[in-house]
Amino acid sequence: MSEFGGDGYYDYRDPSRVKGTEERHADIIERNLEAYTSVPFLSGMLIWQFCDCRVTEGTGWLLTRAGTQNSKGIVDRYRRPKLAYSVVKEYFAGR
């Protein structure tokens, strides 16, 4: 079993696909899904995470996040789908 994810801020879109854009986030999720669905010995996978959420203002590399938000969800904290959501939906709908 494996876990994967990427950062993407809701409605931050740019054709350059720079860090933090929904496009880059969708690319990362898609590449991981391609890799993990192509191996027969993998028993499962977990996308980190379903929705964005608030985090502490504490310090340290694990806790420091812009806007006190973990933005790795495929939907934002109001459950609005990001571009990565449609990538995941396509994979689990059987392509």
PDB file of N, CA and C in Angstrom:
ATOM      1  N   MET A   1       0.850  -1.175   0.000  1.00  0.00           N
ATOM      2  CA  MET A   1       0.000   0.000   0.000  1.00  0.00           C
ATOM      3  C   MET A   1       0.887   1.228   0.000  1.00  0.00           C
ATOM      4  N   SER A   2       0.408   2.276  -0.626  1.00  0.00           N
ATOM      5  CA  SER A   2       1.194   3.501  -0.689  1.00  0.00           C
ATOM      6  C   SER A   2       0.303   4.721  -0.526  1.00  0.00           C
ATOM      7  N   GLU A   3       0.934   5.837  -0.210  1.00  0.00           N
ATOM      8  CA  GLU A   3       0.240   7.101  -0.004  1.00  0.00           C
ATOM      9  C   GLU A   3       0.953   8.165  -0.838  1.00  0.00           C
ATOM     10  N   PHE A   4       0.181   9.099  -1.396  1.00  0.00           N
ATOM     11  CA  PHE A   4       0.773  10.164  -2.202  1.00  0.00           C
ATOM     12  C   PHE A   4      -0.126  11.384  -2.191  1.00  0.00           C
ATOM     13  N   GLY A   5       0.408  12.515  -2.628  1.00  0.00           N
ATOM     14  CA  GLY A   5      -0.367  13.744  -2.693  1.00  0.00           C
ATOM     15  C   GLY A   5       0.472  14.878  -3.246  1.00  0.00           C
ATOM     16  N   GLY A   6      -0.111  16.044  -3.295  1.00  0.00           N
ATOM     17  CA  GLY A   6       0.582  17.227  -3.781  1.00  0.00           C
ATOM     18  C   GLY A   6      -0.165  18.476  -3.372  1.00  0.00           C
ATOM     19  N   ASP A   7       0.507  19.597  -3.440  1.00  0.00           N
ATOM     20  CA  ASP A   7      -0.075  20.889  -3.063  1.00  0.00           C
ATOM     21  C   ASP A   7      -0.786  21.553  -4.230  1.00  0.00           C
ATOM     22  N   GLY A   8      -1.957  22.104  -3.992  1.00  0.00           N
ATOM     23  CA  GLY A   8      -2.671  22.867  -5.009  1.00  0.00           C
ATOM     24  C   GLY A   8      -3.680  23.779  -4.355  1.00  0.00           C
ATOM     25  N   TYR A   9      -3.558  25.068  -4.599  1.00  0.00           N
ATOM     26  CA  TYR A   9      -4.480  26.035  -4.003  1.00  0.00           C
ATOM     27  C   TYR A   9      -5.696  26.227  -4.894  1.00  0.00           C
ATOM     28  N   TYR A  10      -6.870  26.129  -4.299  1.00  0.00           N
ATOM     29  CA  TYR A  10      -8.112  26.252  -5.052  1.00  0.00           C
ATOM     30  C   TYR A  10      -8.134  27.554  -5.840  1.00  0.00           C
ATOM     31  N   ASP A  11      -8.450  27.458  -7.122  1.00  0.00           N
ATOM     32  CA  ASP A  11      -8.608  28.579  -8.048  1.00  0.00           C
ATOM     33  C   ASP A  11      -7.299  29.284  -8.395  1.00  0.00           C
ATOM     34  N   TYR A  12      -6.169  28.726  -7.977  1.00  0.00           N
ATOM     35  CA  TYR A  12      -4.878  29.260  -8.401  1.00  0.00           C
ATOM     36  C   TYR A  12      -4.462  28.456  -9.619  1.00  0.00           C
ATOM     37  N   ARG A  13      -4.746  29.018 -10.792  1.00  0.00           N
ATOM     38  CA  ARG A  13      -4.494  28.311 -12.041  1.00  0.00           C
ATOM     39  C   ARG A  13      -3.563  29.133 -12.924  1.00  0.00           C
ATOM     40  N   ASP A  14      -2.678  28.434 -13.600  1.00  0.00           N
ATOM     41  CA  ASP A  14      -1.717  29.100 -14.467  1.00  0.00           C
ATOM     42  C   ASP A  14      -1.196  28.076 -15.471  1.00  0.00           C
ATOM     43  N   PRO A  15      -1.202  28.427 -16.762  1.00  0.00           N
ATOM     44  CA  PRO A  15      -0.722  27.482 -17.768  1.00  0.00           C
ATOM     45  C   PRO A  15       0.746  27.074 -17.586  1.00  0.00           C
ATOM     46  N   SER A  16       1.509  27.854 -16.833  1.00  0.00           N
ATOM     47  CA  SER A  16       2.916  27.511 -16.594  1.00  0.00           C
ATOM     48  C   SER A  16       3.069  26.335 -15.646  1.00  0.00           C
ATOM     49  N   ARG A  17       1.999  25.980 -14.956  1.00  0.00           N
ATOM     50  CA  ARG A  17       1.978  24.831 -14.043  1.00  0.00           C
ATOM     51  C   ARG A  17       2.992  24.954 -12.902  1.00  0.00           C
ATOM     52  N   VAL A  18       3.184  26.154 -12.385  1.00  0.00           N
ATOM     53  CA  VAL A  18       4.128  26.368 -11.294  1.00  0.00           C
ATOM     54  C   VAL A  18       3.611  25.731 -10.005  1.00  0.00           C
ATOM     55  N   LYS A  19       4.525  25.600  -9.022  1.00  0.00           N
ATOM     56  CA  LYS A  19       4.151  25.010  -7.731  1.00  0.00           C
ATOM     57  C   LYS A  19       2.938  25.707  -7.142  1.00  0.00           C
ATOM     58  N   GLY A  20       2.038  24.916  -6.622  1.00  0.00           N
ATOM     59  CA  GLY A  20       0.861  25.449  -5.959  1.00  0.00           C
ATOM     60  C   GLY A  20      -0.347  25.608  -6.861  1.00  0.00           C
ATOM     61  N   THR A  21      -0.154  25.511  -8.196  1.00  0.00           N
ATOM     62  CA  THR A  21      -1.301  25.657  -9.093  1.00  0.00           C
ATOM     63  C   THR A  21      -2.113  24.370  -9.125  1.00  0.00           C
ATOM     64  N   GLU A  22      -3.374  24.516  -9.482  1.00  0.00           N
ATOM     65  CA  GLU A  22      -4.226  23.339  -9.631  1.00  0.00           C
ATOM     66  C   GLU A  22      -3.716  22.437 -10.753  1.00  0.00           C
ATOM     67  N   GLU A  23      -3.144  23.028 -11.793  1.00  0.00           N
ATOM     68  CA  GLU A  23      -2.620  22.231 -12.895  1.00  0.00           C
ATOM     69  C   GLU A  23      -1.481  21.316 -12.426  1.00  0.00           C
ATOM     70  N   ARG A  24      -0.527  21.888 -11.679  1.00  0.00           N
ATOM     71  CA  ARG A  24       0.611  21.079 -11.181  1.00  0.00           C
ATOM     72  C   ARG A  24       0.103  20.007 -10.234  1.00  0.00           C
ATOM     73  N   HIS A  25      -0.839  20.366  -9.378  1.00  0.00           N
ATOM     74  CA  HIS A  25      -1.428  19.418  -8.434  1.00  0.00           C
ATOM     75  C   HIS A  25      -2.060  18.241  -9.188  1.00  0.00           C
ATOM     76  N   ALA A  26      -2.837  18.545 -10.220  1.00  0.00           N
ATOM     77  CA  ALA A  26      -3.483  17.495 -11.019  1.00  0.00           C
ATOM     78  C   ALA A  26      -2.445  16.619 -11.714  1.00  0.00           C
ATOM     79  N   ASP A  27      -1.360  17.225 -12.213  1.00  0.00           N
ATOM     80  CA  ASP A  27      -0.281  16.457 -12.850  1.00  0.00           C
ATOM     81  C   ASP A  27       0.348  15.472 -11.872  1.00  0.00           C
ATOM     82  N   ILE A  28       0.625  15.946 -10.666  1.00  0.00           N
ATOM     83  CA  ILE A  28       1.249  15.093  -9.643  1.00  0.00           C
ATOM     84  C   ILE A  28       0.342  13.921  -9.293  1.00  0.00           C
ATOM     85  N   ILE A  29      -0.920  14.204  -9.076  1.00  0.00           N
ATOM     86  CA  ILE A  29      -1.871  13.140  -8.732  1.00  0.00           C
ATOM     87  C   ILE A  29      -1.988  12.147  -9.888  1.00  0.00           C
ATOM     88  N   GLU A  30      -2.067  12.657 -11.108  1.00  0.00           N
ATOM     89  CA  GLU A  30      -2.199  11.764 -12.265  1.00  0.00           C
ATOM     90  C   GLU A  30      -0.978  10.871 -12.438  1.00  0.00           C
ATOM     91  N   ARG A  31       0.212  11.417 -12.289  1.00  0.00           N
ATOM     92  CA  ARG A  31       1.429  10.605 -12.430  1.00  0.00           C
ATOM     93  C   ARG A  31       1.490   9.509 -11.362  1.00  0.00           C
ATOM     94  N   ASN A  32       1.070   9.852 -10.172  1.00  0.00           N
ATOM     95  CA  ASN A  32       1.043   8.841  -9.109  1.00  0.00           C
ATOM     96  C   ASN A  32       0.016   7.759  -9.403  1.00  0.00           C
ATOM     97  N   LEU A  33      -1.161   8.150  -9.842  1.00  0.00           N
ATOM     98  CA  LEU A  33      -2.188   7.154 -10.177  1.00  0.00           C
ATOM     99  C   LEU A  33      -1.715   6.250 -11.308  1.00  0.00           C
ATOM    100  N   GLU A  34      -1.064   6.818 -12.313  1.00  0.00           N
ATOM    101  CA  GLU A  34      -0.521   6.006 -13.412  1.00  0.00           C
ATOM    102  C   GLU A  34       0.467   4.974 -12.876  1.00  0.00           C
ATOM    103  N   ALA A  35       1.357   5.411 -12.008  1.00  0.00           N
ATOM    104  CA  ALA A  35       2.373   4.518 -11.456  1.00  0.00           C
ATOM    105  C   ALA A  35       1.757   3.431 -10.583  1.00  0.00           C
ATOM    106  N   TYR A  36       0.860   3.821  -9.682  1.00  0.00           N
ATOM    107  CA  TYR A  36       0.329   2.864  -8.717  1.00  0.00           C
ATOM    108  C   TYR A  36      -0.720   1.931  -9.292  1.00  0.00           C
ATOM    109  N   THR A  37      -1.387   2.318 -10.357  1.00  0.00           N
ATOM    110  CA  THR A  37      -2.381   1.408 -10.949  1.00  0.00           C
ATOM    111  C   THR A  37      -1.746   0.476 -11.963  1.00  0.00           C
ATOM    112  N   SER A  38      -0.466   0.650 -12.258  1.00  0.00           N
ATOM    113  CA  SER A  38       0.189  -0.198 -13.255  1.00  0.00           C
ATOM    114  C   SER A  38       0.951  -1.376 -12.640  1.00  0.00           C
ATOM    115  N   VAL A  39       1.008  -1.452 -11.320  1.00  0.00           N
ATOM    116  CA  VAL A  39       1.744  -2.552 -10.683  1.00  0.00           C
ATOM    117  C   VAL A  39       0.758  -3.547 -10.063  1.00  0.00           C
ATOM    118  N   PRO A  40       0.896  -4.834 -10.422  1.00  0.00           N
ATOM    119  CA  PRO A  40      -0.065  -5.835  -9.949  1.00  0.00           C
ATOM    120  C   PRO A  40       0.074  -6.204  -8.470  1.00  0.00           C
ATOM    121  N   PHE A  41       1.223  -5.924  -7.874  1.00  0.00           N
ATOM    122  CA  PHE A  41       1.453  -6.341  -6.488  1.00  0.00           C
ATOM    123  C   PHE A  41       1.022  -5.315  -5.454  1.00  0.00           C
ATOM    124  N   LEU A  42       0.532  -4.162  -5.876  1.00  0.00           N
ATOM    125  CA  LEU A  42       0.096  -3.128  -4.934  1.00  0.00           C
ATOM    126  C   LEU A  42      -1.306  -3.468  -4.437  1.00  0.00           C
ATOM    127  N   SER A  43      -1.484  -3.466  -3.126  1.00  0.00           N
ATOM    128  CA  SER A  43      -2.772  -3.862  -2.568  1.00  0.00           C
ATOM    129  C   SER A  43      -3.697  -2.679  -2.299  1.00  0.00           C
ATOM    130  N   GLY A  44      -3.218  -1.462  -2.422  1.00  0.00           N
ATOM    131  CA  GLY A  44      -4.074  -0.315  -2.201  1.00  0.00           C
ATOM    132  C   GLY A  44      -3.290   0.980  -2.246  1.00  0.00           C
ATOM    133  N   MET A  45      -4.013   2.087  -2.227  1.00  0.00           N
ATOM    134  CA  MET A  45      -3.379   3.402  -2.234  1.00  0.00           C
ATOM    135  C   MET A  45      -4.269   4.390  -1.496  1.00  0.00           C
ATOM    136  N   LEU A  46      -3.651   5.448  -1.029  1.00  0.00           N
ATOM    137  CA  LEU A  46      -4.361   6.493  -0.303  1.00  0.00           C
ATOM    138  C   LEU A  46      -3.890   7.836  -0.832  1.00  0.00           C
ATOM    139  N   ILE A  47      -4.825   8.658  -1.274  1.00  0.00           N
ATOM    140  CA  ILE A  47      -4.477  10.002  -1.727  1.00  0.00           C
ATOM    141  C   ILE A  47      -4.497  10.912  -0.513  1.00  0.00           C
ATOM    142  N   TRP A  48      -3.378  11.558  -0.253  1.00  0.00           N
ATOM    143  CA  TRP A  48      -3.261  12.484   0.866  1.00  0.00           C
ATOM    144  C   TRP A  48      -3.546  13.862   0.335  1.00  0.00           C
ATOM    145  N   GLN A  49      -4.620  14.451   0.533  1.00  0.00           N
ATOM    146  CA  GLN A  49      -5.783  14.074   1.288  1.00  0.00           C
ATOM    147  C   GLN A  49      -7.038  14.435   0.533  1.00  0.00           C
ATOM    148  N   PHE A  50      -8.220  14.061   1.026  1.00  0.00           N
ATOM    149  CA  PHE A  50      -9.454  14.345   0.287  1.00  0.00           C
ATOM    150  C   PHE A  50      -9.744  15.836   0.246  1.00  0.00           C
ATOM    151  N   CYS A  51      -9.676  16.510   1.388  1.00  0.00           N
ATOM    152  CA  CYS A  51     -10.030  17.937   1.398  1.00  0.00           C
ATOM    153  C   CYS A  51      -8.987  18.764   2.148  1.00  0.00           C
ATOM    154  N   ASP A  52      -8.884  20.018   1.755  1.00  0.00           N
ATOM    155  CA  ASP A  52      -8.005  20.953   2.456  1.00  0.00           C
ATOM    156  C   ASP A  52      -8.527  21.135   3.881  1.00  0.00           C
ATOM    157  N   CYS A  53      -7.629  21.482   4.785  1.00  0.00           N
ATOM    158  CA  CYS A  53      -8.057  21.702   6.161  1.00  0.00           C
ATOM    159  C   CYS A  53      -7.138  22.708   6.842  1.00  0.00           C
ATOM    160  N   ARG A  54      -7.615  23.269   7.925  1.00  0.00           N
ATOM    161  CA  ARG A  54      -6.816  24.205   8.718  1.00  0.00           C
ATOM    162  C   ARG A  54      -5.754  23.443   9.485  1.00  0.00           C
ATOM    163  N   VAL A  55      -4.616  24.111   9.707  1.00  0.00           N
ATOM    164  CA  VAL A  55      -3.544  23.540  10.515  1.00  0.00           C
ATOM    165  C   VAL A  55      -3.076  24.583  11.527  1.00  0.00           C
ATOM    166  N   THR A  56      -2.258  24.146  12.443  1.00  0.00           N
ATOM    167  CA  THR A  56      -1.765  25.009  13.497  1.00  0.00           C
ATOM    168  C   THR A  56      -0.836  26.104  12.965  1.00  0.00           C
ATOM    169  N   GLU A  57      -0.666  27.145  13.734  1.00  0.00           N
ATOM    170  CA  GLU A  57       0.305  28.172  13.406  1.00  0.00           C
ATOM    171  C   GLU A  57       1.661  27.849  14.015  1.00  0.00           C
ATOM    172  N   GLY A  58       1.793  26.637  14.536  1.00  0.00           N
ATOM    173  CA  GLY A  58       3.046  26.209  15.146  1.00  0.00           C
ATOM    174  C   GLY A  58       4.205  26.271  14.174  1.00  0.00           C
ATOM    175  N   THR A  59       5.381  26.114  14.683  1.00  0.00           N
ATOM    176  CA  THR A  59       6.573  26.161  13.843  1.00  0.00           C
ATOM    177  C   THR A  59       7.100  24.764  13.558  1.00  0.00           C
ATOM    178  N   GLY A  60       8.036  24.698  12.687  1.00  0.00           N
ATOM    179  CA  GLY A  60       8.597  23.414  12.281  1.00  0.00           C
ATOM    180  C   GLY A  60       8.167  23.098  10.872  1.00  0.00           C
ATOM    181  N   TRP A  61       8.995  22.385  10.134  1.00  0.00           N
ATOM    182  CA  TRP A  61       8.712  22.139   8.721  1.00  0.00           C
ATOM    183  C   TRP A  61       7.429  21.376   8.466  1.00  0.00           C
ATOM    184  N   LEU A  62       6.995  20.527   9.393  1.00  0.00           N
ATOM    185  CA  LEU A  62       5.741  19.796   9.199  1.00  0.00           C
ATOM    186  C   LEU A  62       4.513  20.659   9.435  1.00  0.00           C
ATOM    187  N   LEU A  63       4.644  21.687  10.235  1.00  0.00           N
ATOM    188  CA  LEU A  63       3.482  22.471  10.640  1.00  0.00           C
ATOM    189  C   LEU A  63       3.318  23.780   9.872  1.00  0.00           C
ATOM    190  N   THR A  64       4.379  24.299   9.303  1.00  0.00           N
ATOM    191  CA  THR A  64       4.329  25.598   8.648  1.00  0.00           C
ATOM    192  C   THR A  64       3.623  25.492   7.298  1.00  0.00           C
ATOM    193  N   ARG A  65       2.502  26.131   7.185  1.00  0.00           N
ATOM    194  CA  ARG A  65       1.731  26.146   5.938  1.00  0.00           C
ATOM    195  C   ARG A  65       1.177  27.547   5.716  1.00  0.00           C
ATOM    196  N   ALA A  66       1.199  27.985   4.461  1.00  0.00           N
ATOM    197  CA  ALA A  66       0.657  29.306   4.124  1.00  0.00           C
ATOM    198  C   ALA A  66      -0.823  29.370   4.487  1.00  0.00           C
ATOM    199  N   GLY A  67      -1.221  30.471   5.113  1.00  0.00           N
ATOM    200  CA  GLY A  67      -2.626  30.650   5.475  1.00  0.00           C
ATOM    201  C   GLY A  67      -3.131  29.641   6.477  1.00  0.00           C
ATOM    202  N   THR A  68      -2.253  29.027   7.224  1.00  0.00           N
ATOM    203  CA  THR A  68      -2.579  27.942   8.159  1.00  0.00           C
ATOM    204  C   THR A  68      -3.515  26.912   7.520  1.00  0.00           C
ATOM    205  N   GLN A  69      -3.173  26.523   6.301  1.00  0.00           N
ATOM    206  CA  GLN A  69      -4.009  25.585   5.573  1.00  0.00           C
ATOM    207  C   GLN A  69      -3.170  24.502   4.912  1.00  0.00           C
ATOM    208  N   ASN A  70      -3.585  23.264   5.066  1.00  0.00           N
ATOM    209  CA  ASN A  70      -3.012  22.171   4.305  1.00  0.00           C
ATOM    210  C   ASN A  70      -3.802  22.118   3.003  1.00  0.00           C
ATOM    211  N   SER A  71      -3.150  22.417   1.905  1.00  0.00           N
ATOM    212  CA  SER A  71      -3.835  22.542   0.616  1.00  0.00           C
ATOM    213  C   SER A  71      -3.618  21.346  -0.295  1.00  0.00           C
ATOM    214  N   LYS A  72      -3.460  20.177   0.282  1.00  0.00           N
ATOM    215  CA  LYS A  72      -3.196  18.983  -0.507  1.00  0.00           C
ATOM    216  C   LYS A  72      -4.460  18.220  -0.902  1.00  0.00           C
ATOM    217  N   GLY A  73      -5.623  18.723  -0.551  1.00  0.00           N
ATOM    218  CA  GLY A  73      -6.866  18.034  -0.884  1.00  0.00           C
ATOM    219  C   GLY A  73      -7.209  18.105  -2.355  1.00  0.00           C
ATOM    220  N   ILE A  74      -7.994  17.127  -2.829  1.00  0.00           N
ATOM    221  CA  ILE A  74      -8.494  17.193  -4.203  1.00  0.00           C
ATOM    222  C   ILE A  74      -9.759  18.047  -4.283  1.00  0.00           C
ATOM    223  N   VAL A  75     -10.272  18.429  -3.110  1.00  0.00           N
ATOM    224  CA  VAL A  75     -11.317  19.449  -3.001  1.00  0.00           C
ATOM    225  C   VAL A  75     -10.857  20.446  -1.940  1.00  0.00           C
ATOM    226  N   ASP A  76     -11.375  21.659  -1.989  1.00  0.00           N
ATOM    227  CA  ASP A  76     -10.963  22.645  -0.982  1.00  0.00           C
ATOM    228  C   ASP A  76     -11.758  22.442   0.311  1.00  0.00           C
ATOM    229  N   ARG A  77     -11.542  23.302   1.279  1.00  0.00           N
ATOM    230  CA  ARG A  77     -12.201  23.089   2.582  1.00  0.00           C
ATOM    231  C   ARG A  77     -13.707  23.293   2.534  1.00  0.00           C
ATOM    232  N   TYR A  78     -14.216  23.870   1.445  1.00  0.00           N
ATOM    233  CA  TYR A  78     -15.663  24.003   1.252  1.00  0.00           C
ATOM    234  C   TYR A  78     -16.205  22.914   0.323  1.00  0.00           C
ATOM    235  N   ARG A  79     -15.335  21.925   0.020  1.00  0.00           N
ATOM    236  CA  ARG A  79     -15.653  20.756  -0.812  1.00  0.00           C
ATOM    237  C   ARG A  79     -15.871  21.124  -2.281  1.00  0.00           C
ATOM    238  N   ARG A  80     -15.251  22.228  -2.731  1.00  0.00           N
ATOM    239  CA  ARG A  80     -15.295  22.577  -4.153  1.00  0.00           C
ATOM    240  C   ARG A  80     -14.178  21.807  -4.849  1.00  0.00           C
ATOM    241  N   PRO A  81     -14.495  21.094  -5.919  1.00  0.00           N
ATOM    242  CA  PRO A  81     -13.482  20.283  -6.595  1.00  0.00           C
ATOM    243  C   PRO A  81     -12.369  21.121  -7.228  1.00  0.00           C
ATOM    244  N   LYS A  82     -11.147  20.618  -7.089  1.00  0.00           N
ATOM    245  CA  LYS A  82      -9.999  21.181  -7.801  1.00  0.00           C
ATOM    246  C   LYS A  82      -9.814  20.352  -9.076  1.00  0.00           C
ATOM    247  N   LEU A  83      -8.903  20.747  -9.939  1.00  0.00           N
ATOM    248  CA  LEU A  83      -8.663  20.007 -11.178  1.00  0.00           C
ATOM    249  C   LEU A  83      -8.281  18.548 -10.906  1.00  0.00           C
ATOM    250  N   ALA A  84      -7.564  18.303  -9.829  1.00  0.00           N
ATOM    251  CA  ALA A  84      -7.147  16.934  -9.496  1.00  0.00           C
ATOM    252  C   ALA A  84      -8.348  16.021  -9.230  1.00  0.00           C
ATOM    253  N   TYR A  85      -9.442  16.587  -8.785  1.00  0.00           N
ATOM    254  CA  TYR A  85     -10.635  15.788  -8.492  1.00  0.00           C
ATOM    255  C   TYR A  85     -11.102  15.037  -9.735  1.00  0.00           C
ATOM    256  N   SER A  86     -11.139  15.728 -10.871  1.00  0.00           N
ATOM    257  CA  SER A  86     -11.607  15.073 -12.102  1.00  0.00           C
ATOM    258  C   SER A  86     -10.627  14.001 -12.568  1.00  0.00           C
ATOM    259  N   VAL A  87      -9.335  14.193 -12.311  1.00  0.00           N
ATOM    260  CA  VAL A  87      -8.334  13.177 -12.640  1.00  0.00           C
ATOM    261  C   VAL A  87      -8.610  11.908 -11.827  1.00  0.00           C
ATOM    262  N   VAL A  88      -8.832  12.064 -10.535  1.00  0.00           N
ATOM    263  CA  VAL A  88      -9.105  10.923  -9.661  1.00  0.00           C
ATOM    264  C   VAL A  88     -10.412  10.247 -10.058  1.00  0.00           C
ATOM    265  N   LYS A  89     -11.423  11.036 -10.325  1.00  0.00           N
ATOM    266  CA  LYS A  89     -12.724  10.493 -10.713  1.00  0.00           C
ATOM    267  C   LYS A  89     -12.599   9.649 -11.979  1.00  0.00           C
ATOM    268  N   GLU A  90     -11.827  10.121 -12.938  1.00  0.00           N
ATOM    269  CA  GLU A  90     -11.618   9.398 -14.189  1.00  0.00           C
ATOM    270  C   GLU A  90     -10.948   8.041 -13.930  1.00  0.00           C
ATOM    271  N   TYR A  91      -9.953   8.023 -13.078  1.00  0.00           N
ATOM    272  CA  TYR A  91      -9.256   6.774 -12.782  1.00  0.00           C
ATOM    273  C   TYR A  91     -10.148   5.761 -12.088  1.00  0.00           C
ATOM    274  N   PHE A  92     -10.935   6.196 -11.156  1.00  0.00           N
ATOM    275  CA  PHE A  92     -11.742   5.256 -10.387  1.00  0.00           C
ATOM    276  C   PHE A  92     -13.085   4.956 -11.019  1.00  0.00           C
ATOM    277  N   ALA A  93     -13.407   5.647 -12.116  1.00  0.00           N
ATOM    278  CA  ALA A  93     -14.623   5.342 -12.868  1.00  0.00           C
ATOM    279  C   ALA A  93     -14.343   4.304 -13.949  1.00  0.00           C
ATOM    280  N   GLY A  94     -13.088   3.891 -14.048  1.00  0.00           N
ATOM    281  CA  GLY A  94     -12.737   2.831 -14.979  1.00  0.00           C
ATOM    282  C   GLY A  94     -12.136   3.305 -16.286  1.00  0.00           C
ATOM    283  N   ARG A  95     -11.917   4.588 -16.410  1.00  0.00           N
ATOM    284  CA  ARG A  95     -11.303   5.169 -17.612  1.00  0.00           C
ATOM    285  C   ARG A  95     -12.032   4.730 -18.812  1.00  0.00           C
TER     286      ARG A  95
END
